[in-house]
């Protein structure tokens, strides 16, 4: 008996069963370890990833080597979705920040399949729209919200994606992603630990009070959740 294909990726699972069945032979399951770079800026997209678990960061790179995260992506993402329109180049570095899994197919197969299926093409464009919305919201957040609220927002978003209360990341990494100094991250984390919201050990943050963390986060958490739900609901 043929097993039922039930992916965790929100876009892939939202497709009609017939569409998922048609795509299944083109998909291969991959484990993506922390630190793996999936593409670099200006690199032609060769593969499309339906993220199943973990977290991918889009990172903007400056000429002096500094970098800042422009979006955190998880199971609500088809990485490389604009390949549905034809040859596409990456605009940012995509790097695995927390061990991830994904269904992968070639960009060429994705383009062909999208040409043959209006609903898949619509899904690809919806994923691109959502990624752009996340980039825009993150840019506004970095410019307008305080570092403590941004850090809380970031941890809530990670928790939403990995479904675990333990996050294995260093203060150095968080400082780079949020474009703040490491002592700033340490000071905020210390305050959250004293308040009983998190526990921090070297290289590991454990969320103890998720509701408290959400209260400390900026409005961007709710805004992005609402956009994700709306865009996914409008696919079919």
C-alpha atoms as a PDB file:
ATOM      1  CA  UNK A   1       0.000   0.000   0.000  1.00  0.00           C
ATOM      2  CA  UNK A   2       1.335   3.446  -0.933  1.00  0.00           C
ATOM      3  CA  UNK A   3       2.085   5.618   2.101  1.00  0.00           C
ATOM      4  CA  UNK A   4       0.320   8.957   2.399  1.00  0.00           C
ATOM      5  CA  UNK A   5       2.543  11.962   1.698  1.00  0.00           C
ATOM      6  CA  UNK A   6       1.874  14.394   4.546  1.00  0.00           C
ATOM      7  CA  UNK A   7       4.575  17.091   4.583  1.00  0.00           C
ATOM      8  CA  UNK A   8       4.937  19.593   7.429  1.00  0.00           C
ATOM      9  CA  UNK A   9       5.787  22.496   5.138  1.00  0.00           C
ATOM     10  CA  UNK A  10       2.746  24.781   5.264  1.00  0.00           C
ATOM     11  CA  UNK A  11       2.689  25.560   1.536  1.00  0.00           C
ATOM     12  CA  UNK A  12       3.279  21.974   0.446  1.00  0.00           C
ATOM     13  CA  UNK A  13       0.635  20.625   2.821  1.00  0.00           C
ATOM     14  CA  UNK A  14      -1.867  23.274   1.647  1.00  0.00           C
ATOM     15  CA  UNK A  15      -1.721  21.996  -1.934  1.00  0.00           C
ATOM     16  CA  UNK A  16      -4.493  19.671  -3.122  1.00  0.00           C
ATOM     17  CA  UNK A  17      -3.613  16.003  -2.625  1.00  0.00           C
ATOM     18  CA  UNK A  18      -3.378  15.466  -6.378  1.00  0.00           C
ATOM     19  CA  UNK A  19      -0.763  18.223  -6.647  1.00  0.00           C
ATOM     20  CA  UNK A  20       1.315  16.759  -3.813  1.00  0.00           C
ATOM     21  CA  UNK A  21       1.164  13.337  -5.453  1.00  0.00           C
ATOM     22  CA  UNK A  22       2.341  14.808  -8.747  1.00  0.00           C
ATOM     23  CA  UNK A  23       5.291  16.531  -7.072  1.00  0.00           C
ATOM     24  CA  UNK A  24       6.328  13.614  -4.855  1.00  0.00           C
ATOM     25  CA  UNK A  25       8.621  11.841  -7.402  1.00  0.00           C
ATOM     26  CA  UNK A  26      10.511  15.110  -7.923  1.00  0.00           C
ATOM     27  CA  UNK A  27      11.197  15.665  -4.221  1.00  0.00           C
ATOM     28  CA  UNK A  28      14.054  14.329  -2.114  1.00  0.00           C
ATOM     29  CA  UNK A  29      14.230  14.624   1.678  1.00  0.00           C
ATOM     30  CA  UNK A  30      17.344  16.345   3.028  1.00  0.00           C
ATOM     31  CA  UNK A  31      18.781  17.035   6.466  1.00  0.00           C
ATOM     32  CA  UNK A  32      20.406  20.457   6.604  1.00  0.00           C
ATOM     33  CA  UNK A  33      23.020  20.871   9.368  1.00  0.00           C
ATOM     34  CA  UNK A  34      23.609  24.121  11.219  1.00  0.00           C
ATOM     35  CA  UNK A  35      25.991  26.378   9.303  1.00  0.00           C
ATOM     36  CA  UNK A  36      25.197  24.992   5.850  1.00  0.00           C
ATOM     37  CA  UNK A  37      24.972  27.804   3.278  1.00  0.00           C
ATOM     38  CA  UNK A  38      22.175  27.066   0.805  1.00  0.00           C
ATOM     39  CA  UNK A  39      22.951  29.965  -1.499  1.00  0.00           C
ATOM     40  CA  UNK A  40      24.993  33.155  -1.711  1.00  0.00           C
ATOM     41  CA  UNK A  41      24.020  36.613  -3.048  1.00  0.00           C
ATOM     42  CA  UNK A  42      23.838  36.723  -6.858  1.00  0.00           C
ATOM     43  CA  UNK A  43      24.188  32.950  -7.071  1.00  0.00           C
ATOM     44  CA  UNK A  44      21.781  31.277  -9.484  1.00  0.00           C
ATOM     45  CA  UNK A  45      19.186  29.237  -7.623  1.00  0.00           C
ATOM     46  CA  UNK A  46      19.707  25.556  -8.447  1.00  0.00           C
ATOM     47  CA  UNK A  47      17.367  23.977  -5.907  1.00  0.00           C
ATOM     48  CA  UNK A  48      14.063  24.809  -4.252  1.00  0.00           C
ATOM     49  CA  UNK A  49      13.557  23.837  -0.600  1.00  0.00           C
ATOM     50  CA  UNK A  50      10.209  23.189   1.080  1.00  0.00           C
ATOM     51  CA  UNK A  51      11.402  23.696   4.668  1.00  0.00           C
ATOM     52  CA  UNK A  52       9.984  21.090   7.069  1.00  0.00           C
ATOM     53  CA  UNK A  53      11.718  21.912  10.358  1.00  0.00           C
ATOM     54  CA  UNK A  54      14.485  24.027  11.838  1.00  0.00           C
ATOM     55  CA  UNK A  55      15.329  27.564  10.823  1.00  0.00           C
ATOM     56  CA  UNK A  56      16.984  29.278   7.882  1.00  0.00           C
ATOM     57  CA  UNK A  57      18.260  32.858   8.049  1.00  0.00           C
ATOM     58  CA  UNK A  58      18.452  35.283   5.173  1.00  0.00           C
ATOM     59  CA  UNK A  59      21.503  37.435   5.807  1.00  0.00           C
ATOM     60  CA  UNK A  60      22.525  40.698   4.154  1.00  0.00           C
ATOM     61  CA  UNK A  61      26.290  41.090   3.782  1.00  0.00           C
ATOM     62  CA  UNK A  62      28.212  44.364   3.830  1.00  0.00           C
ATOM     63  CA  UNK A  63      31.519  45.027   2.049  1.00  0.00           C
ATOM     64  CA  UNK A  64      33.384  45.219   5.376  1.00  0.00           C
ATOM     65  CA  UNK A  65      32.268  41.695   6.259  1.00  0.00           C
ATOM     66  CA  UNK A  66      29.523  42.636   8.720  1.00  0.00           C
ATOM     67  CA  UNK A  67      26.140  41.011   8.351  1.00  0.00           C
ATOM     68  CA  UNK A  68      22.587  41.301   9.632  1.00  0.00           C
ATOM     69  CA  UNK A  69      19.679  38.904   9.486  1.00  0.00           C
ATOM     70  CA  UNK A  70      16.843  40.127   7.264  1.00  0.00           C
ATOM     71  CA  UNK A  71      14.407  37.246   7.816  1.00  0.00           C
ATOM     72  CA  UNK A  72      13.998  34.031   9.787  1.00  0.00           C
ATOM     73  CA  UNK A  73      12.398  31.270   7.753  1.00  0.00           C
ATOM     74  CA  UNK A  74      10.861  27.958   8.731  1.00  0.00           C
ATOM     75  CA  UNK A  75       8.117  25.608   7.635  1.00  0.00           C
ATOM     76  CA  UNK A  76       6.159  28.555   6.170  1.00  0.00           C
ATOM     77  CA  UNK A  77       8.804  28.848   3.456  1.00  0.00           C
ATOM     78  CA  UNK A  78       9.544  27.629  -0.064  1.00  0.00           C
ATOM     79  CA  UNK A  79      13.142  28.782  -0.367  1.00  0.00           C
ATOM     80  CA  UNK A  80      13.815  29.683  -3.990  1.00  0.00           C
ATOM     81  CA  UNK A  81      10.122  29.892  -4.870  1.00  0.00           C
ATOM     82  CA  UNK A  82      10.618  32.611  -7.504  1.00  0.00           C
ATOM     83  CA  UNK A  83      12.299  29.965  -9.650  1.00  0.00           C
ATOM     84  CA  UNK A  84       8.719  29.277 -10.734  1.00  0.00           C
ATOM     85  CA  UNK A  85       9.097  32.325 -12.993  1.00  0.00           C
ATOM     86  CA  UNK A  86      12.333  31.116 -14.614  1.00  0.00           C
ATOM     87  CA  UNK A  87      16.035  31.597 -13.884  1.00  0.00           C
ATOM     88  CA  UNK A  88      16.390  33.341 -10.544  1.00  0.00           C
ATOM     89  CA  UNK A  89      19.369  34.646  -8.539  1.00  0.00           C
ATOM     90  CA  UNK A  90      19.576  34.928  -4.786  1.00  0.00           C
ATOM     91  CA  UNK A  91      19.511  38.390  -3.225  1.00  0.00           C
ATOM     92  CA  UNK A  92      20.951  37.331   0.158  1.00  0.00           C
ATOM     93  CA  UNK A  93      22.870  34.549   1.828  1.00  0.00           C
ATOM     94  CA  UNK A  94      20.636  31.720   3.040  1.00  0.00           C
ATOM     95  CA  UNK A  95      22.232  29.826   5.919  1.00  0.00           C
ATOM     96  CA  UNK A  96      20.923  27.105   8.223  1.00  0.00           C
ATOM     97  CA  UNK A  97      20.946  28.584  11.729  1.00  0.00           C
ATOM     98  CA  UNK A  98      19.219  25.686  13.487  1.00  0.00           C
ATOM     99  CA  UNK A  99      19.443  22.106  12.153  1.00  0.00           C
ATOM    100  CA  UNK A 100      16.712  21.793   9.551  1.00  0.00           C
ATOM    101  CA  UNK A 101      15.014  19.324   7.234  1.00  0.00           C
ATOM    102  CA  UNK A 102      13.469  20.017   3.854  1.00  0.00           C
ATOM    103  CA  UNK A 103      12.004  18.481   0.728  1.00  0.00           C
ATOM    104  CA  UNK A 104      14.241  19.550  -2.157  1.00  0.00           C
ATOM    105  CA  UNK A 105      13.718  19.613  -5.904  1.00  0.00           C
ATOM    106  CA  UNK A 106      15.651  21.167  -8.751  1.00  0.00           C
ATOM    107  CA  UNK A 107      14.726  24.698  -9.755  1.00  0.00           C
ATOM    108  CA  UNK A 108      14.248  23.469 -13.322  1.00  0.00           C
ATOM    109  CA  UNK A 109      11.707  20.836 -12.218  1.00  0.00           C
ATOM    110  CA  UNK A 110       9.932  23.406 -10.049  1.00  0.00           C
ATOM    111  CA  UNK A 111       9.691  25.825 -12.975  1.00  0.00           C
ATOM    112  CA  UNK A 112       8.277  23.122 -15.262  1.00  0.00           C
ATOM    113  CA  UNK A 113       5.817  21.906 -12.636  1.00  0.00           C
ATOM    114  CA  UNK A 114       4.653  25.484 -11.973  1.00  0.00           C
ATOM    115  CA  UNK A 115       4.086  26.070 -15.698  1.00  0.00           C
ATOM    116  CA  UNK A 116       1.832  22.999 -15.730  1.00  0.00           C
ATOM    117  CA  UNK A 117      -0.116  23.863 -12.581  1.00  0.00           C
ATOM    118  CA  UNK A 118      -1.832  27.212 -11.885  1.00  0.00           C
ATOM    119  CA  UNK A 119      -2.266  26.348  -8.201  1.00  0.00           C
ATOM    120  CA  UNK A 120       1.441  25.544  -7.777  1.00  0.00           C
ATOM    121  CA  UNK A 121       2.394  28.764  -9.534  1.00  0.00           C
ATOM    122  CA  UNK A 122       0.038  30.677  -7.241  1.00  0.00           C
ATOM    123  CA  UNK A 123       1.611  28.906  -4.256  1.00  0.00           C
ATOM    124  CA  UNK A 124       5.118  29.853  -5.383  1.00  0.00           C
ATOM    125  CA  UNK A 125       4.144  33.519  -5.738  1.00  0.00           C
ATOM    126  CA  UNK A 126       2.431  33.448  -2.333  1.00  0.00           C
ATOM    127  CA  UNK A 127       5.610  32.102  -0.749  1.00  0.00           C
ATOM    128  CA  UNK A 128       7.627  34.859  -2.407  1.00  0.00           C
ATOM    129  CA  UNK A 129       5.118  37.427  -1.118  1.00  0.00           C
ATOM    130  CA  UNK A 130       5.421  36.077   2.420  1.00  0.00           C
ATOM    131  CA  UNK A 131       9.219  36.076   2.380  1.00  0.00           C
ATOM    132  CA  UNK A 132       9.202  39.689   1.170  1.00  0.00           C
ATOM    133  CA  UNK A 133       6.746  40.605   3.937  1.00  0.00           C
ATOM    134  CA  UNK A 134       9.059  39.024   6.504  1.00  0.00           C
ATOM    135  CA  UNK A 135      12.063  40.955   5.146  1.00  0.00           C
ATOM    136  CA  UNK A 136      10.118  44.236   5.238  1.00  0.00           C
ATOM    137  CA  UNK A 137       8.841  43.631   8.771  1.00  0.00           C
ATOM    138  CA  UNK A 138      12.316  42.724  10.004  1.00  0.00           C
ATOM    139  CA  UNK A 139      13.762  45.892   8.443  1.00  0.00           C
ATOM    140  CA  UNK A 140      11.137  48.014  10.201  1.00  0.00           C
ATOM    141  CA  UNK A 141      11.713  46.142  13.457  1.00  0.00           C
ATOM    142  CA  UNK A 142      15.484  46.657  13.337  1.00  0.00           C
ATOM    143  CA  UNK A 143      14.991  50.382  12.732  1.00  0.00           C
ATOM    144  CA  UNK A 144      12.182  51.158  15.175  1.00  0.00           C
ATOM    145  CA  UNK A 145      12.166  48.688  18.068  1.00  0.00           C
ATOM    146  CA  UNK A 146      14.499  48.437  21.051  1.00  0.00           C
ATOM    147  CA  UNK A 147      17.082  45.666  21.281  1.00  0.00           C
ATOM    148  CA  UNK A 148      15.320  43.920  24.181  1.00  0.00           C
ATOM    149  CA  UNK A 149      12.017  43.687  22.306  1.00  0.00           C
ATOM    150  CA  UNK A 150      13.782  42.540  19.141  1.00  0.00           C
ATOM    151  CA  UNK A 151      15.614  39.808  21.026  1.00  0.00           C
ATOM    152  CA  UNK A 152      12.357  38.590  22.588  1.00  0.00           C
ATOM    153  CA  UNK A 153      10.710  38.682  19.150  1.00  0.00           C
ATOM    154  CA  UNK A 154      13.560  36.693  17.672  1.00  0.00           C
ATOM    155  CA  UNK A 155      13.374  33.976  20.339  1.00  0.00           C
ATOM    156  CA  UNK A 156       9.590  33.697  19.972  1.00  0.00           C
ATOM    157  CA  UNK A 157       9.949  33.285  16.202  1.00  0.00           C
ATOM    158  CA  UNK A 158      12.581  30.587  16.672  1.00  0.00           C
ATOM    159  CA  UNK A 159      10.328  28.802  19.205  1.00  0.00           C
ATOM    160  CA  UNK A 160       7.446  28.903  16.719  1.00  0.00           C
ATOM    161  CA  UNK A 161       9.612  27.241  14.081  1.00  0.00           C
ATOM    162  CA  UNK A 162      11.410  24.513  16.025  1.00  0.00           C
ATOM    163  CA  UNK A 163       8.628  23.621  18.514  1.00  0.00           C
ATOM    164  CA  UNK A 164      11.219  23.286  21.275  1.00  0.00           C
ATOM    165  CA  UNK A 165      12.065  25.430  24.287  1.00  0.00           C
ATOM    166  CA  UNK A 166      15.814  24.880  23.969  1.00  0.00           C
ATOM    167  CA  UNK A 167      17.701  27.055  21.478  1.00  0.00           C
ATOM    168  CA  UNK A 168      21.394  26.302  20.865  1.00  0.00           C
ATOM    169  CA  UNK A 169      22.915  29.633  19.854  1.00  0.00           C
ATOM    170  CA  UNK A 170      25.661  31.838  21.254  1.00  0.00           C
ATOM    171  CA  UNK A 171      25.527  35.482  22.317  1.00  0.00           C
ATOM    172  CA  UNK A 172      28.031  36.293  19.567  1.00  0.00           C
ATOM    173  CA  UNK A 173      25.661  34.901  16.969  1.00  0.00           C
ATOM    174  CA  UNK A 174      22.662  36.758  18.387  1.00  0.00           C
ATOM    175  CA  UNK A 175      24.616  40.017  18.469  1.00  0.00           C
ATOM    176  CA  UNK A 176      25.536  39.619  14.802  1.00  0.00           C
ATOM    177  CA  UNK A 177      22.015  38.724  13.714  1.00  0.00           C
ATOM    178  CA  UNK A 178      20.464  41.668  15.609  1.00  0.00           C
ATOM    179  CA  UNK A 179      23.273  44.098  14.738  1.00  0.00           C
ATOM    180  CA  UNK A 180      23.999  44.984  18.361  1.00  0.00           C
ATOM    181  CA  UNK A 181      27.092  44.638  20.559  1.00  0.00           C
ATOM    182  CA  UNK A 182      27.623  41.366  22.395  1.00  0.00           C
ATOM    183  CA  UNK A 183      27.481  43.037  25.854  1.00  0.00           C
ATOM    184  CA  UNK A 184      24.003  44.338  24.926  1.00  0.00           C
ATOM    185  CA  UNK A 185      22.780  40.794  24.277  1.00  0.00           C
ATOM    186  CA  UNK A 186      24.378  39.573  27.510  1.00  0.00           C
ATOM    187  CA  UNK A 187      22.722  42.347  29.521  1.00  0.00           C
ATOM    188  CA  UNK A 188      19.268  41.675  28.044  1.00  0.00           C
ATOM    189  CA  UNK A 189      19.633  37.908  28.498  1.00  0.00           C
ATOM    190  CA  UNK A 190      20.697  38.446  32.116  1.00  0.00           C
ATOM    191  CA  UNK A 191      17.581  40.538  32.758  1.00  0.00           C
ATOM    192  CA  UNK A 192      15.320  37.921  31.171  1.00  0.00           C
ATOM    193  CA  UNK A 193      16.996  35.209  33.238  1.00  0.00           C
ATOM    194  CA  UNK A 194      16.522  37.148  36.480  1.00  0.00           C
ATOM    195  CA  UNK A 195      12.843  37.591  35.560  1.00  0.00           C
ATOM    196  CA  UNK A 196      12.503  33.824  35.124  1.00  0.00           C
ATOM    197  CA  UNK A 197      11.696  34.074  31.416  1.00  0.00           C
ATOM    198  CA  UNK A 198      14.745  32.173  30.132  1.00  0.00           C
ATOM    199  CA  UNK A 199      17.723  30.219  31.428  1.00  0.00           C
ATOM    200  CA  UNK A 200      21.018  30.877  29.696  1.00  0.00           C
ATOM    201  CA  UNK A 201      23.988  28.534  29.678  1.00  0.00           C
ATOM    202  CA  UNK A 202      26.974  28.743  27.372  1.00  0.00           C
ATOM    203  CA  UNK A 203      25.673  28.222  23.823  1.00  0.00           C
ATOM    204  CA  UNK A 204      22.150  27.359  24.961  1.00  0.00           C
ATOM    205  CA  UNK A 205      18.997  29.340  25.803  1.00  0.00           C
ATOM    206  CA  UNK A 206      16.055  27.568  27.441  1.00  0.00           C
ATOM    207  CA  UNK A 207      12.661  29.294  27.373  1.00  0.00           C
ATOM    208  CA  UNK A 208      10.998  28.945  30.788  1.00  0.00           C
ATOM    209  CA  UNK A 209       8.072  31.360  30.396  1.00  0.00           C
ATOM    210  CA  UNK A 210       6.814  31.548  26.817  1.00  0.00           C
ATOM    211  CA  UNK A 211       3.949  33.893  27.701  1.00  0.00           C
ATOM    212  CA  UNK A 212       6.377  36.240  29.412  1.00  0.00           C
ATOM    213  CA  UNK A 213       8.668  36.147  26.398  1.00  0.00           C
ATOM    214  CA  UNK A 214       5.728  37.023  24.130  1.00  0.00           C
ATOM    215  CA  UNK A 215       4.832  39.959  26.367  1.00  0.00           C
ATOM    216  CA  UNK A 216       8.376  41.228  26.065  1.00  0.00           C
ATOM    217  CA  UNK A 217       8.409  40.931  22.270  1.00  0.00           C
ATOM    218  CA  UNK A 218       7.453  43.694  19.870  1.00  0.00           C
ATOM    219  CA  UNK A 219       4.301  43.764  17.744  1.00  0.00           C
ATOM    220  CA  UNK A 220       6.115  42.129  14.816  1.00  0.00           C
ATOM    221  CA  UNK A 221       5.427  38.653  16.202  1.00  0.00           C
ATOM    222  CA  UNK A 222       1.662  39.050  15.863  1.00  0.00           C
ATOM    223  CA  UNK A 223       1.898  40.906  12.557  1.00  0.00           C
ATOM    224  CA  UNK A 224       3.926  38.133  10.924  1.00  0.00           C
ATOM    225  CA  UNK A 225       1.766  35.342  12.349  1.00  0.00           C
ATOM    226  CA  UNK A 226      -1.314  37.032  10.899  1.00  0.00           C
ATOM    227  CA  UNK A 227       0.343  37.391   7.478  1.00  0.00           C
ATOM    228  CA  UNK A 228       1.424  33.755   7.448  1.00  0.00           C
ATOM    229  CA  UNK A 229      -2.090  32.541   8.282  1.00  0.00           C
ATOM    230  CA  UNK A 230      -3.733  34.847   5.725  1.00  0.00           C
ATOM    231  CA  UNK A 231      -1.421  33.987   2.858  1.00  0.00           C
ATOM    232  CA  UNK A 232      -1.580  30.233   3.465  1.00  0.00           C
ATOM    233  CA  UNK A 233      -5.381  30.347   3.701  1.00  0.00           C
ATOM    234  CA  UNK A 234      -5.660  32.111   0.346  1.00  0.00           C
ATOM    235  CA  UNK A 235      -3.750  29.481  -1.649  1.00  0.00           C
ATOM    236  CA  UNK A 236      -6.736  27.293  -2.554  1.00  0.00           C
END
